Amino acid sequence: MRQDLDTLKTEIEEALGKHGFAVFRGQYRGGEGIGEVYWDSARYPQPQDFLETAARLDVKVIVFHDRTLTAEMLSEALEKLEAAQLPRDEYREIERSISKLKGYEDFTCSLQLSFDFDRNTYLFEARTKWYEEFLILLDDLDDTIDAGGEDDEPGPMGGYFSHN
């Protein structure tokens, strides 16, 4: 079974055409938290329901973002792993996890639909399980790198040195 979202992407594109939405192929939206309303895709996983809601609100433009796992994304993950300076066993385990993801290269891993209405941004998201795990791995590496950098910060004098 191919673990990507290509079929869902095709269904979304058909539904967008059926409803007559203008489609803006945009970047990923969200993350600010202010005025964002996320669709409950766990209980209502069909993007067609989200699009029907938008149609009932007379929304004209839907922002559509899709992401594919690329070799560059995996390469950046390996760079973060290098920077994390982890113990050997932990390093190898994470390196194996990243290597396994090479099998998903060029797969659609994330889809997002959004629209603006009445000062809010409404969002529908779908992600593959393996991509969710990859994002968690990246967050953990970022946390490790950030925690490691705390020792490098200068003291209360901001790193100034006096010969007095």
C-alpha atoms as a PDB file:
ATOM      1  CA  MET A   1       0.000   0.000   0.000  1.00  0.00           C
ATOM      2  CA  ARG A   2       1.401   3.365  -1.025  1.00  0.00           C
ATOM      3  CA  GLN A   3       1.454   5.572   2.033  1.00  0.00           C
ATOM      4  CA  ASP A   4       0.980   8.976   0.471  1.00  0.00           C
ATOM      5  CA  LEU A   5      -1.849  11.368  -0.169  1.00  0.00           C
ATOM      6  CA  ASP A   6      -1.947  11.377  -3.991  1.00  0.00           C
ATOM      7  CA  THR A   7      -5.441   9.885  -4.175  1.00  0.00           C
ATOM      8  CA  LEU A   8      -6.776  12.370  -1.643  1.00  0.00           C
ATOM      9  CA  LYS A   9      -5.063  15.196  -3.538  1.00  0.00           C
ATOM     10  CA  THR A  10      -6.854  14.149  -6.736  1.00  0.00           C
ATOM     11  CA  GLU A  11     -10.200  13.978  -4.897  1.00  0.00           C
ATOM     12  CA  ILE A  12      -9.632  17.461  -3.459  1.00  0.00           C
ATOM     13  CA  GLU A  13      -8.819  18.903  -6.874  1.00  0.00           C
ATOM     14  CA  GLU A  14     -12.024  17.386  -8.286  1.00  0.00           C
ATOM     15  CA  ALA A  15     -14.095  18.758  -5.390  1.00  0.00           C
ATOM     16  CA  LEU A  16     -12.554  22.224  -5.813  1.00  0.00           C
ATOM     17  CA  GLY A  17     -13.603  22.200  -9.467  1.00  0.00           C
ATOM     18  CA  LYS A  18     -17.088  20.895  -8.630  1.00  0.00           C
ATOM     19  CA  HIS A  19     -17.702  23.778  -6.226  1.00  0.00           C
ATOM     20  CA  GLY A  20     -16.204  26.345  -8.600  1.00  0.00           C
ATOM     21  CA  PHE A  21     -13.645  27.718  -6.143  1.00  0.00           C
ATOM     22  CA  ALA A  22     -10.776  29.845  -7.328  1.00  0.00           C
ATOM     23  CA  VAL A  23      -7.717  27.899  -6.190  1.00  0.00           C
ATOM     24  CA  PHE A  24      -4.666  29.723  -4.934  1.00  0.00           C
ATOM     25  CA  ARG A  25      -1.636  27.403  -4.776  1.00  0.00           C
ATOM     26  CA  GLY A  26      -0.106  28.846  -1.649  1.00  0.00           C
ATOM     27  CA  GLN A  27       2.419  28.116   1.029  1.00  0.00           C
ATOM     28  CA  TYR A  28       1.631  26.366   4.284  1.00  0.00           C
ATOM     29  CA  ARG A  29      -0.509  28.567   6.501  1.00  0.00           C
ATOM     30  CA  GLY A  30      -0.930  28.477  10.220  1.00  0.00           C
ATOM     31  CA  GLY A  31       1.205  28.422  13.268  1.00  0.00           C
ATOM     32  CA  GLU A  32       0.435  31.867  14.598  1.00  0.00           C
ATOM     33  CA  GLY A  33      -2.603  30.609  16.492  1.00  0.00           C
ATOM     34  CA  ILE A  34      -4.447  33.929  16.292  1.00  0.00           C
ATOM     35  CA  GLY A  35      -7.709  33.623  14.440  1.00  0.00           C
ATOM     36  CA  GLU A  36      -6.993  30.083  13.266  1.00  0.00           C
ATOM     37  CA  VAL A  37      -9.754  27.526  13.302  1.00  0.00           C
ATOM     38  CA  TYR A  38      -8.741  23.942  12.530  1.00  0.00           C
ATOM     39  CA  TRP A  39     -11.167  21.428  11.081  1.00  0.00           C
ATOM     40  CA  ASP A  40     -11.645  18.318  13.231  1.00  0.00           C
ATOM     41  CA  SER A  41     -10.144  15.985  10.646  1.00  0.00           C
ATOM     42  CA  ALA A  42      -9.857  13.146  13.167  1.00  0.00           C
ATOM     43  CA  ARG A  43     -13.642  12.902  13.465  1.00  0.00           C
ATOM     44  CA  TYR A  44     -14.492  14.340  10.027  1.00  0.00           C
ATOM     45  CA  PRO A  45     -11.635  13.274   7.723  1.00  0.00           C
ATOM     46  CA  GLN A  46     -13.306  14.108   4.413  1.00  0.00           C
ATOM     47  CA  PRO A  47     -12.029  17.355   2.878  1.00  0.00           C
ATOM     48  CA  GLN A  48     -15.211  17.496   0.811  1.00  0.00           C
ATOM     49  CA  ASP A  49     -17.130  18.338   4.019  1.00  0.00           C
ATOM     50  CA  PHE A  50     -14.726  21.208   4.682  1.00  0.00           C
ATOM     51  CA  LEU A  51     -15.181  22.468   1.117  1.00  0.00           C
ATOM     52  CA  GLU A  52     -18.976  22.225   1.357  1.00  0.00           C
ATOM     53  CA  THR A  53     -18.843  24.394   4.473  1.00  0.00           C
ATOM     54  CA  ALA A  54     -16.755  26.947   2.570  1.00  0.00           C
ATOM     55  CA  ALA A  55     -19.260  26.863  -0.304  1.00  0.00           C
ATOM     56  CA  ARG A  56     -22.178  27.502   2.080  1.00  0.00           C
ATOM     57  CA  LEU A  57     -20.306  30.549   3.379  1.00  0.00           C
ATOM     58  CA  ASP A  58     -19.941  31.794  -0.216  1.00  0.00           C
ATOM     59  CA  VAL A  59     -16.161  31.616  -0.028  1.00  0.00           C
ATOM     60  CA  LYS A  60     -14.617  32.241  -3.443  1.00  0.00           C
ATOM     61  CA  VAL A  61     -10.921  31.448  -2.888  1.00  0.00           C
ATOM     62  CA  ILE A  62      -9.397  28.337  -1.349  1.00  0.00           C
ATOM     63  CA  VAL A  63      -5.681  28.223  -0.599  1.00  0.00           C
ATOM     64  CA  PHE A  64      -4.344  24.764  -1.461  1.00  0.00           C
ATOM     65  CA  HIS A  65      -0.927  23.620  -0.287  1.00  0.00           C
ATOM     66  CA  ASP A  66       0.618  20.224  -0.819  1.00  0.00           C
ATOM     67  CA  ARG A  67       4.031  18.997   0.272  1.00  0.00           C
ATOM     68  CA  THR A  68       6.144  16.184  -1.114  1.00  0.00           C
ATOM     69  CA  LEU A  69       8.988  14.577   0.808  1.00  0.00           C
ATOM     70  CA  THR A  70      12.201  15.596  -0.935  1.00  0.00           C
ATOM     71  CA  ALA A  71      15.813  14.514  -0.791  1.00  0.00           C
ATOM     72  CA  GLU A  72      16.637  18.035   0.455  1.00  0.00           C
ATOM     73  CA  MET A  73      14.335  17.595   3.454  1.00  0.00           C
ATOM     74  CA  LEU A  74      16.102  14.352   4.365  1.00  0.00           C
ATOM     75  CA  SER A  75      19.506  15.926   3.842  1.00  0.00           C
ATOM     76  CA  GLU A  76      18.579  18.809   6.161  1.00  0.00           C
ATOM     77  CA  ALA A  77      17.441  16.276   8.773  1.00  0.00           C
ATOM     78  CA  LEU A  78      20.831  14.566   8.579  1.00  0.00           C
ATOM     79  CA  GLU A  79      22.550  17.955   9.002  1.00  0.00           C
ATOM     80  CA  LYS A  80      20.483  18.590  12.130  1.00  0.00           C
ATOM     81  CA  LEU A  81      21.428  15.133  13.387  1.00  0.00           C
ATOM     82  CA  GLU A  82      25.119  15.982  12.931  1.00  0.00           C
ATOM     83  CA  ALA A  83      24.654  19.268  14.809  1.00  0.00           C
ATOM     84  CA  ALA A  84      22.834  17.559  17.688  1.00  0.00           C
ATOM     85  CA  GLN A  85      25.987  15.697  18.816  1.00  0.00           C
ATOM     86  CA  LEU A  86      24.087  12.761  20.282  1.00  0.00           C
ATOM     87  CA  PRO A  87      25.500   9.607  21.857  1.00  0.00           C
ATOM     88  CA  ARG A  88      26.511   7.041  19.237  1.00  0.00           C
ATOM     89  CA  ASP A  89      23.602   4.593  19.761  1.00  0.00           C
ATOM     90  CA  GLU A  90      20.970   7.325  19.689  1.00  0.00           C
ATOM     91  CA  TYR A  91      22.622   8.899  16.641  1.00  0.00           C
ATOM     92  CA  ARG A  92      22.522   5.604  14.734  1.00  0.00           C
ATOM     93  CA  GLU A  93      18.891   4.948  15.651  1.00  0.00           C
ATOM     94  CA  ILE A  94      17.811   8.352  14.335  1.00  0.00           C
ATOM     95  CA  GLU A  95      20.032   7.964  11.268  1.00  0.00           C
ATOM     96  CA  ARG A  96      18.265   4.651  10.485  1.00  0.00           C
ATOM     97  CA  SER A  97      14.866   6.329  10.902  1.00  0.00           C
ATOM     98  CA  ILE A  98      15.826   9.037   8.430  1.00  0.00           C
ATOM     99  CA  SER A  99      17.235   6.450   5.992  1.00  0.00           C
ATOM    100  CA  LYS A 100      13.946   4.517   6.067  1.00  0.00           C
ATOM    101  CA  LEU A 101      12.163   7.681   4.958  1.00  0.00           C
ATOM    102  CA  LYS A 102      14.111   7.622   1.675  1.00  0.00           C
ATOM    103  CA  GLY A 103      11.541   5.055   0.555  1.00  0.00           C
ATOM    104  CA  TYR A 104       8.901   7.802   0.773  1.00  0.00           C
ATOM    105  CA  GLU A 105      10.841  10.323  -1.301  1.00  0.00           C
ATOM    106  CA  ASP A 106       8.558  12.067  -3.833  1.00  0.00           C
ATOM    107  CA  PHE A 107       5.439  10.932  -1.960  1.00  0.00           C
ATOM    108  CA  THR A 108       2.809  13.506  -1.056  1.00  0.00           C
ATOM    109  CA  CYS A 109       3.075  13.755   2.712  1.00  0.00           C
ATOM    110  CA  SER A 110       0.923  16.751   3.618  1.00  0.00           C
ATOM    111  CA  LEU A 111      -2.139  18.551   2.266  1.00  0.00           C
ATOM    112  CA  GLN A 112      -3.728  21.734   3.538  1.00  0.00           C
ATOM    113  CA  LEU A 113      -6.831  23.628   2.512  1.00  0.00           C
ATOM    114  CA  SER A 114      -7.662  27.021   3.977  1.00  0.00           C
ATOM    115  CA  PHE A 115      -9.858  30.043   3.513  1.00  0.00           C
ATOM    116  CA  ASP A 116     -10.412  33.335   5.267  1.00  0.00           C
ATOM    117  CA  PHE A 117     -13.828  34.276   6.566  1.00  0.00           C
ATOM    118  CA  ASP A 118     -14.953  36.871   9.087  1.00  0.00           C
ATOM    119  CA  ARG A 119     -11.429  37.652  10.383  1.00  0.00           C
ATOM    120  CA  ASN A 120     -10.541  33.982  10.885  1.00  0.00           C
ATOM    121  CA  THR A 121      -8.522  31.508   8.869  1.00  0.00           C
ATOM    122  CA  TYR A 122     -10.167  28.112   8.570  1.00  0.00           C
ATOM    123  CA  LEU A 123      -7.837  25.174   7.921  1.00  0.00           C
ATOM    124  CA  PHE A 124      -8.099  21.523   6.939  1.00  0.00           C
ATOM    125  CA  GLU A 125      -4.946  19.394   7.169  1.00  0.00           C
ATOM    126  CA  ALA A 126      -4.067  15.837   6.265  1.00  0.00           C
ATOM    127  CA  ARG A 127      -0.662  14.280   6.897  1.00  0.00           C
ATOM    128  CA  THR A 128       0.702  10.785   6.570  1.00  0.00           C
ATOM    129  CA  LYS A 129       1.687   9.010   9.770  1.00  0.00           C
ATOM    130  CA  TRP A 130       5.316   8.702   8.686  1.00  0.00           C
ATOM    131  CA  TYR A 131       5.481  12.451   7.996  1.00  0.00           C
ATOM    132  CA  GLU A 132       4.061  13.215  11.448  1.00  0.00           C
ATOM    133  CA  GLU A 133       6.815  11.008  12.923  1.00  0.00           C
ATOM    134  CA  PHE A 134       9.397  12.836  10.804  1.00  0.00           C
ATOM    135  CA  LEU A 135       8.186  16.213  12.102  1.00  0.00           C
ATOM    136  CA  ILE A 136       8.436  14.962  15.699  1.00  0.00           C
ATOM    137  CA  LEU A 137      11.965  13.724  14.998  1.00  0.00           C
ATOM    138  CA  LEU A 138      12.915  17.156  13.597  1.00  0.00           C
ATOM    139  CA  ASP A 139      11.414  18.922  16.628  1.00  0.00           C
ATOM    140  CA  ASP A 140      13.350  16.628  18.972  1.00  0.00           C
ATOM    141  CA  LEU A 141      16.584  17.347  17.088  1.00  0.00           C
ATOM    142  CA  ASP A 142      15.891  21.104  17.241  1.00  0.00           C
ATOM    143  CA  ASP A 143      15.304  20.835  20.994  1.00  0.00           C
ATOM    144  CA  THR A 144      18.566  18.922  21.427  1.00  0.00           C
ATOM    145  CA  ILE A 145      20.498  21.486  19.384  1.00  0.00           C
ATOM    146  CA  ASP A 146      18.906  24.388  21.301  1.00  0.00           C
ATOM    147  CA  ALA A 147      19.635  22.765  24.671  1.00  0.00           C
ATOM    148  CA  GLY A 148      23.243  22.168  23.657  1.00  0.00           C
ATOM    149  CA  GLY A 149      23.713  25.821  22.752  1.00  0.00           C
ATOM    150  CA  GLU A 150      22.778  27.116  26.190  1.00  0.00           C
ATOM    151  CA  ASP A 151      26.286  26.424  27.541  1.00  0.00           C
ATOM    152  CA  ASP A 152      27.776  28.605  24.802  1.00  0.00           C
ATOM    153  CA  GLU A 153      25.935  31.761  25.865  1.00  0.00           C
ATOM    154  CA  PRO A 154      28.039  34.522  27.362  1.00  0.00           C
ATOM    155  CA  GLY A 155      27.717  35.427  31.027  1.00  0.00           C
ATOM    156  CA  PRO A 156      25.951  38.442  32.474  1.00  0.00           C
ATOM    157  CA  MET A 157      28.489  40.846  30.971  1.00  0.00           C
ATOM    158  CA  GLY A 158      27.647  39.718  27.441  1.00  0.00           C
ATOM    159  CA  GLY A 159      31.043  38.152  26.734  1.00  0.00           C
ATOM    160  CA  TYR A 160      33.132  41.257  27.432  1.00  0.00           C
ATOM    161  CA  PHE A 161      36.571  40.723  28.864  1.00  0.00           C
ATOM    162  CA  SER A 162      38.400  43.281  30.961  1.00  0.00           C
ATOM    163  CA  HIS A 163      42.169  43.475  31.502  1.00  0.00           C
ATOM    164  CA  ASN A 164      41.682  45.471  34.737  1.00  0.00           C
END
